[in-house]
Amino acid sequence: MTSIWENIEPVEAEGRLRGVRRRLAELDEALQGQQAILRENPESFAFKLSCESLLQIQTRLRDELVELVRHRRNEQITFALGGAQFADNSASLGTLGVFLIRLQKLYSSIAQAISTGPTRRGPIAVDIRAATELRLADVYPSSFGMQMFVPSGFDLVGNSISSEALDAMFQLLMSTDDDQKLMRLSGEYGRRTFGHLRQVATVLREASATLKINWTDYTGTQHNWVSDPDATLRIIEHLDKITETRSEQRQFSGRLVGASLLRNRFELLLPDRSMIEGKFISGLGAAITDAFGEICTVTVDETEVRDKVSGETKTYYSLKAIERATPLS
């Protein structure tokens, strides 16, 4: 059996991590209130200092999280496929093979999007492919059930490509019946990811298959998603309504007045008082903390997405690099 935790009691680890996550969520909420004031008074030293203090507390909590997740060895995911092609605890090899390939590509593309920003094409980095390589560990009775795992691979600052990509994948799957959320995620994850999601849904629809996915994260929280043939048809219909009309890399200079290390979100106030906001890629937490409240230059992927039915167009940003402005001597 594949081990999930090592050298620590799983119940103890998950309980302590739930506590850390709860305190991080409370701090994140407090930060949002402080940052709302900072957005109105960007030169306010007092509010900037208060937000910086909260961010430092958040950093110390993340240090506690790092100490615990170093005992996490693997992420375990279960899949249960149902329908005529997956009856009697057996599976059609052709359909199963295509499904697994599509699923692997979806997972790796999400990891690539949250690690380096959304891309349309080109090879996914070798280290990202290696970190998200799903491995089949067991099968079990449930029409056709599979248990898979991927090494957690938490680094020295508590980041894990495989774990974060699983969380992002479940966010995406749980948003497939919400046009507004799908538009936002389309802008943040990019055309490649949404193409793979459509292919997964197409395989399930053509096989008239049901799918259940389950993953328990390091806090012991269960993530579940269930889809039947009617649901996969609706997913395809939702995806077909969304089109990416433009994607380019841009630079902006402004004051970083909003940041959430828990949700990897940022807000940049531009000189004309307009605001750009979006998601920053994994691993930028320390740089975001350092630049908070300061004038800085950011590099972002700017993606424009249109709803083909309503004609609504929205622009989304994925922050890939940030640098504080050099102070005048």
Protein backbone atom coordinates (compact mmCIF):
# COMPACT_ATOMS: atom_id res chain seq x y z
CA MET A 1 0.00 0.00 0.00
CA THR A 2 1.31 3.45 -0.92
CA SER A 3 2.19 5.50 2.15
CA ILE A 4 0.74 9.00 2.45
CA TRP A 5 2.53 10.15 5.61
CA GLU A 6 5.89 9.18 7.05
CA ASN A 7 7.28 9.49 10.60
CA ILE A 8 4.16 11.21 11.93
CA GLU A 9 0.66 10.13 12.90
CA PRO A 10 -1.67 11.04 9.99
CA VAL A 11 -4.53 12.13 12.26
CA GLU A 12 -2.19 14.38 14.26
CA ALA A 13 -0.62 15.89 11.14
CA GLU A 14 -3.93 16.58 9.43
CA GLY A 15 -5.45 18.05 12.60
CA ARG A 16 -2.53 20.43 13.15
CA LEU A 17 -2.56 21.42 9.50
CA ARG A 18 -6.29 22.14 9.63
CA GLY A 19 -5.56 24.51 12.50
CA VAL A 20 -2.81 26.25 10.54
CA ARG A 21 -5.04 26.60 7.49
CA ARG A 22 -7.87 27.99 9.61
CA ARG A 23 -5.58 30.64 11.10
CA LEU A 24 -4.21 31.45 7.64
CA ALA A 25 -7.78 31.91 6.37
CA GLU A 26 -8.61 34.23 9.30
CA LEU A 27 -5.47 36.28 8.62
CA ASP A 28 -6.29 36.42 4.93
CA GLU A 29 -9.73 37.82 5.74
CA ALA A 30 -8.19 40.43 8.06
CA LEU A 31 -5.74 41.38 5.32
CA GLN A 32 -8.55 41.97 2.85
CA GLY A 33 -10.09 44.52 5.22
CA GLN A 34 -6.79 46.35 5.71
CA GLN A 35 -6.00 46.30 2.01
CA ALA A 36 -9.37 47.84 1.14
CA ILE A 37 -8.30 50.90 3.15
CA LEU A 38 -4.82 50.89 1.59
CA ARG A 39 -6.36 50.94 -1.90
CA GLU A 40 -8.12 54.20 -0.99
CA ASN A 41 -5.04 55.65 0.75
CA PRO A 42 -2.03 54.09 -1.03
CA GLU A 43 0.45 56.47 0.64
CA SER A 44 -0.73 55.61 4.16
CA PHE A 45 2.31 54.42 6.11
CA ALA A 46 0.21 53.22 9.07
CA PHE A 47 -2.02 50.96 7.01
CA LYS A 48 0.94 49.66 5.02
CA LEU A 49 2.73 48.81 8.26
CA SER A 50 -0.36 47.04 9.60
CA CYS A 51 -0.70 44.93 6.45
CA GLU A 52 3.00 44.10 6.49
CA SER A 53 2.65 42.93 10.10
CA LEU A 54 -0.21 40.62 9.14
CA LEU A 55 1.79 39.27 6.19
CA GLN A 56 4.71 38.50 8.51
CA ILE A 57 2.40 36.57 10.85
CA GLN A 58 1.14 34.71 7.79
CA THR A 59 4.75 33.88 6.89
CA ARG A 60 5.39 32.43 10.36
CA LEU A 61 2.30 30.25 10.05
CA ARG A 62 3.57 29.02 6.71
CA ASP A 63 6.82 28.05 8.42
CA GLU A 64 4.76 25.84 10.77
CA LEU A 65 3.00 24.37 7.74
CA VAL A 66 6.38 23.61 6.11
CA GLU A 67 7.54 21.71 9.18
CA LEU A 68 4.46 19.46 9.01
CA VAL A 69 4.15 18.84 5.25
CA ARG A 70 7.76 17.60 5.05
CA HIS A 71 6.29 14.32 6.38
CA ARG A 72 3.82 14.11 3.46
CA ARG A 73 5.09 11.60 0.90
CA ASN A 74 2.30 11.00 -1.62
CA GLU A 75 -1.02 12.32 -2.85
CA GLN A 76 -3.57 9.53 -3.37
CA ILE A 77 -6.40 9.93 -5.88
CA THR A 78 -9.19 7.44 -6.58
CA PHE A 79 -11.17 7.22 -9.80
CA ALA A 80 -14.32 5.16 -10.37
CA LEU A 81 -15.61 4.72 -13.93
CA GLY A 82 -19.09 3.36 -14.57
CA GLY A 83 -21.22 2.49 -17.58
CA ALA A 84 -21.46 -0.33 -20.13
CA GLN A 85 -17.76 -0.15 -21.04
CA PHE A 86 -16.75 -0.40 -17.37
CA ALA A 87 -19.10 -3.12 -16.12
CA ASP A 88 -18.34 -6.25 -14.06
CA ASN A 89 -15.14 -4.74 -12.61
CA SER A 90 -13.58 -4.63 -16.06
CA ALA A 91 -12.75 -1.95 -18.59
CA SER A 92 -12.54 -1.46 -22.34
CA LEU A 93 -8.78 -1.02 -22.85
CA GLY A 94 -9.23 1.39 -25.74
CA THR A 95 -11.55 3.74 -23.85
CA LEU A 96 -9.60 3.42 -20.61
CA GLY A 97 -6.30 4.16 -22.34
CA VAL A 98 -7.62 7.30 -24.05
CA PHE A 99 -9.24 8.50 -20.81
CA LEU A 100 -6.02 8.08 -18.81
CA ILE A 101 -3.92 9.90 -21.43
CA ARG A 102 -6.40 12.80 -21.57
CA LEU A 103 -6.57 12.97 -17.77
CA GLN A 104 -2.77 13.02 -17.44
CA LYS A 105 -2.49 15.82 -19.99
CA LEU A 106 -5.16 17.84 -18.18
CA TYR A 107 -3.39 17.48 -14.83
CA SER A 108 0.06 18.35 -16.21
CA SER A 109 -1.27 21.36 -18.14
CA ILE A 110 -2.86 22.75 -14.97
CA ALA A 111 0.46 22.33 -13.15
CA GLN A 112 2.21 24.17 -15.96
CA ALA A 113 -0.34 27.02 -15.86
CA ILE A 114 -0.04 27.63 -12.13
CA SER A 115 3.76 27.24 -12.18
CA THR A 116 4.77 29.38 -15.16
CA GLY A 117 1.56 30.94 -16.47
CA PRO A 118 -0.89 29.85 -19.17
CA THR A 119 0.40 28.83 -22.59
CA ARG A 120 -1.32 27.78 -25.80
CA ARG A 121 1.20 25.26 -27.07
CA GLY A 122 4.76 23.99 -26.78
CA PRO A 123 6.29 21.31 -24.57
CA ILE A 124 5.58 21.23 -20.85
CA ALA A 125 8.78 21.48 -18.80
CA VAL A 126 10.40 18.17 -17.91
CA ASP A 127 10.31 18.89 -14.16
CA ILE A 128 6.57 19.64 -14.27
CA ARG A 129 5.84 16.47 -16.24
CA ALA A 130 7.88 14.44 -13.74
CA ALA A 131 6.18 16.06 -10.73
CA THR A 132 2.69 15.29 -12.07
CA GLU A 133 3.21 11.78 -13.43
CA LEU A 134 0.24 9.81 -12.10
CA ARG A 135 1.02 6.22 -11.13
CA LEU A 136 -1.52 3.40 -10.95
CA ALA A 137 -1.26 1.63 -7.60
CA ASP A 138 -4.35 -0.58 -7.38
CA VAL A 139 -7.77 -1.38 -8.84
CA TYR A 140 -10.90 -2.10 -6.85
CA PRO A 141 -14.54 -3.14 -7.41
CA SER A 142 -16.69 -0.12 -8.28
CA SER A 143 -17.71 -0.84 -11.86
CA PHE A 144 -14.04 -0.08 -12.51
CA GLY A 145 -12.10 1.69 -9.75
CA MET A 146 -8.49 2.80 -9.77
CA GLN A 147 -6.24 4.06 -7.03
CA MET A 148 -3.43 6.34 -8.21
CA PHE A 149 -0.75 8.35 -6.51
CA VAL A 150 1.75 11.08 -7.26
CA PRO A 151 4.69 12.04 -4.99
CA SER A 152 3.88 15.15 -2.94
CA GLY A 153 7.31 16.68 -3.44
CA PHE A 154 6.94 19.56 -0.97
CA ASP A 155 9.94 21.89 -1.19
CA LEU A 156 11.70 23.82 1.59
CA VAL A 157 9.11 26.62 1.56
CA GLY A 158 6.07 24.34 1.52
CA ASN A 159 5.24 24.42 -2.18
CA SER A 160 4.18 21.26 -4.00
CA ILE A 161 3.46 21.30 -7.72
CA SER A 162 1.55 18.02 -7.55
CA SER A 163 -0.62 19.01 -4.56
CA GLU A 164 -1.32 22.54 -5.80
CA ALA A 165 -2.22 21.24 -9.26
CA LEU A 166 -4.64 18.72 -7.74
CA ASP A 167 -6.31 21.50 -5.78
CA ALA A 168 -6.52 23.62 -8.95
CA MET A 169 -7.90 20.68 -10.94
CA PHE A 170 -10.72 20.16 -8.44
CA GLN A 171 -11.46 23.91 -8.47
CA LEU A 172 -11.78 23.66 -12.25
CA LEU A 173 -13.96 20.54 -12.20
CA MET A 174 -16.24 22.04 -9.54
CA SER A 175 -16.65 25.17 -11.69
CA THR A 176 -17.78 23.40 -14.85
CA ASP A 177 -21.43 24.38 -14.33
CA ASP A 178 -20.68 28.08 -13.69
CA ASP A 179 -20.03 30.22 -16.77
CA GLN A 180 -18.48 33.12 -14.84
CA LYS A 181 -16.03 30.91 -12.95
CA LEU A 182 -15.18 29.05 -16.14
CA MET A 183 -14.40 32.33 -17.92
CA ARG A 184 -12.05 33.39 -15.12
CA LEU A 185 -10.29 30.04 -14.98
CA SER A 186 -10.03 30.00 -18.77
CA GLY A 187 -8.13 33.27 -18.56
CA GLU A 188 -5.91 32.06 -15.72
CA TYR A 189 -5.22 28.49 -16.90
CA GLY A 190 -5.21 29.14 -20.64
CA ARG A 191 -6.43 27.50 -23.83
CA ARG A 192 -4.27 24.38 -23.47
CA THR A 193 -5.87 23.33 -20.17
CA PHE A 194 -9.40 23.94 -21.42
CA GLY A 195 -8.69 21.95 -24.56
CA HIS A 196 -7.64 18.97 -22.44
CA LEU A 197 -10.68 19.36 -20.19
CA ARG A 198 -12.94 19.24 -23.23
CA GLN A 199 -11.18 16.08 -24.45
CA VAL A 200 -11.70 14.36 -21.07
CA ALA A 201 -15.40 15.27 -21.18
CA THR A 202 -15.65 14.07 -24.78
CA VAL A 203 -14.19 10.65 -23.92
CA LEU A 204 -16.70 10.25 -21.08
CA ARG A 205 -19.61 11.38 -23.26
CA GLU A 206 -18.74 9.06 -26.15
CA ALA A 207 -18.47 6.12 -23.74
CA SER A 208 -21.68 7.13 -21.89
CA ALA A 209 -19.54 6.78 -18.77
CA THR A 210 -19.85 8.10 -15.24
CA LEU A 211 -16.83 9.32 -13.32
CA LYS A 212 -16.17 9.80 -9.61
CA ILE A 213 -12.90 11.35 -8.42
CA ASN A 214 -11.76 11.67 -4.81
CA TRP A 215 -8.64 13.17 -3.21
CA THR A 216 -7.94 13.93 0.45
CA ASP A 217 -5.51 16.83 0.89
CA TYR A 218 -2.95 17.30 3.66
CA THR A 219 -5.52 18.81 6.04
CA GLY A 220 -7.73 15.73 5.74
CA THR A 221 -10.25 17.65 3.63
CA GLN A 222 -11.95 15.50 1.00
CA HIS A 223 -12.35 16.78 -2.55
CA ASN A 224 -14.98 14.95 -4.60
CA TRP A 225 -16.31 15.37 -8.10
CA VAL A 226 -18.97 13.27 -9.83
CA SER A 227 -20.06 13.43 -13.46
CA ASP A 228 -22.59 11.47 -15.50
CA PRO A 229 -23.24 11.56 -19.28
CA ASP A 230 -25.70 14.45 -18.97
CA ALA A 231 -23.22 16.44 -16.90
CA THR A 232 -20.36 15.86 -19.35
CA LEU A 233 -22.58 17.04 -22.19
CA ARG A 234 -23.29 20.25 -20.25
CA ILE A 235 -19.55 20.70 -19.63
CA ILE A 236 -18.86 20.53 -23.36
CA GLU A 237 -21.66 23.02 -24.04
CA HIS A 238 -20.26 25.43 -21.43
CA LEU A 239 -16.72 25.11 -22.79
CA ASP A 240 -17.86 25.68 -26.36
CA LYS A 241 -19.35 29.04 -25.33
CA ILE A 242 -15.95 30.36 -24.18
CA THR A 243 -13.23 31.46 -26.59
CA GLU A 244 -9.84 33.03 -25.98
CA THR A 245 -9.53 36.06 -28.26
CA ARG A 246 -6.12 37.39 -27.23
CA SER A 247 -3.17 36.45 -25.06
CA GLU A 248 0.07 38.38 -24.65
CA GLN A 249 2.80 39.14 -22.13
CA ARG A 250 2.86 42.68 -20.75
CA GLN A 251 4.60 44.76 -18.11
CA PHE A 252 2.95 47.23 -15.73
CA SER A 253 4.31 49.53 -13.06
CA GLY A 254 2.24 50.46 -10.04
CA ARG A 255 1.77 49.96 -6.30
CA LEU A 256 1.03 46.48 -4.97
CA VAL A 257 -1.96 47.22 -2.74
CA GLY A 258 -3.53 43.77 -2.49
CA ALA A 259 -2.15 40.30 -1.88
CA SER A 260 -3.42 36.94 -0.67
CA LEU A 261 -0.75 34.33 -0.01
CA LEU A 262 -3.50 31.81 0.72
CA ARG A 263 -5.24 32.19 -2.65
CA ASN A 264 -2.25 33.46 -4.68
CA ARG A 265 -4.10 36.64 -5.68
CA PHE A 266 -2.72 40.15 -6.27
CA GLU A 267 -3.97 43.70 -6.90
CA LEU A 268 -1.83 46.38 -8.57
CA LEU A 269 -2.87 50.05 -8.45
CA LEU A 270 -1.71 51.82 -11.64
CA PRO A 271 -0.67 55.50 -11.84
CA ASP A 272 -4.02 56.42 -13.46
CA ARG A 273 -5.81 54.91 -10.40
CA SER A 274 -7.09 51.95 -12.38
CA MET A 275 -6.50 48.48 -11.01
CA ILE A 276 -5.38 45.16 -12.43
CA GLU A 277 -5.89 42.01 -10.40
CA GLY A 278 -5.48 38.30 -10.85
CA LYS A 279 -3.48 35.27 -9.83
CA PHE A 280 0.27 34.99 -9.28
CA ILE A 281 2.16 31.83 -10.14
CA SER A 282 3.31 29.36 -7.50
CA GLY A 283 6.52 30.22 -5.68
CA LEU A 284 6.17 34.02 -5.73
CA GLY A 285 4.89 34.34 -2.16
CA ALA A 286 8.14 35.72 -0.71
CA ALA A 287 8.56 38.25 -3.52
CA ILE A 288 4.92 39.37 -3.13
CA THR A 289 5.41 39.85 0.62
CA ASP A 290 8.59 41.85 0.03
CA ALA A 291 6.94 44.11 -2.56
CA PHE A 292 3.69 44.69 -0.70
CA GLY A 293 2.73 48.37 -0.52
CA GLU A 294 5.65 49.34 -2.75
CA ILE A 295 5.95 50.69 -6.27
CA CYS A 296 7.00 47.77 -8.46
CA THR A 297 7.11 46.44 -12.00
CA VAL A 298 5.26 43.24 -12.81
CA THR A 299 5.31 40.90 -15.78
CA VAL A 300 1.91 39.37 -16.50
CA ASP A 301 0.16 37.21 -19.04
CA GLU A 302 -2.87 39.22 -20.16
CA THR A 303 -5.62 37.01 -21.57
CA GLU A 304 -8.89 38.16 -23.09
CA VAL A 305 -11.82 35.74 -23.04
CA ARG A 306 -15.21 36.11 -24.72
CA ASP A 307 -18.57 34.43 -24.07
CA LYS A 308 -19.78 33.65 -27.59
CA VAL A 309 -23.44 33.61 -26.53
CA SER A 310 -23.66 36.85 -24.55
CA GLY A 311 -20.80 38.61 -26.32
CA GLU A 312 -19.30 39.52 -22.93
CA THR A 313 -15.52 39.98 -22.98
CA LYS A 314 -13.28 39.97 -19.91
CA THR A 315 -9.53 40.31 -19.36
CA TYR A 316 -7.59 38.23 -16.85
CA TYR A 317 -4.05 38.50 -15.51
CA SER A 318 -1.50 35.93 -14.37
CA LEU A 319 1.50 37.51 -12.63
CA LYS A 320 4.78 35.79 -13.52
CA ALA A 321 7.44 38.12 -12.11
CA ILE A 322 7.60 41.12 -9.77
CA GLU A 323 10.39 43.55 -9.00
CA ARG A 324 10.40 46.47 -6.58
CA ALA A 325 11.29 49.85 -8.05
CA THR A 326 14.85 50.94 -7.37
CA PRO A 327 14.74 53.80 -4.84
CA LEU A 328 16.27 57.11 -5.88
CA SER A 329 19.67 57.72 -4.30
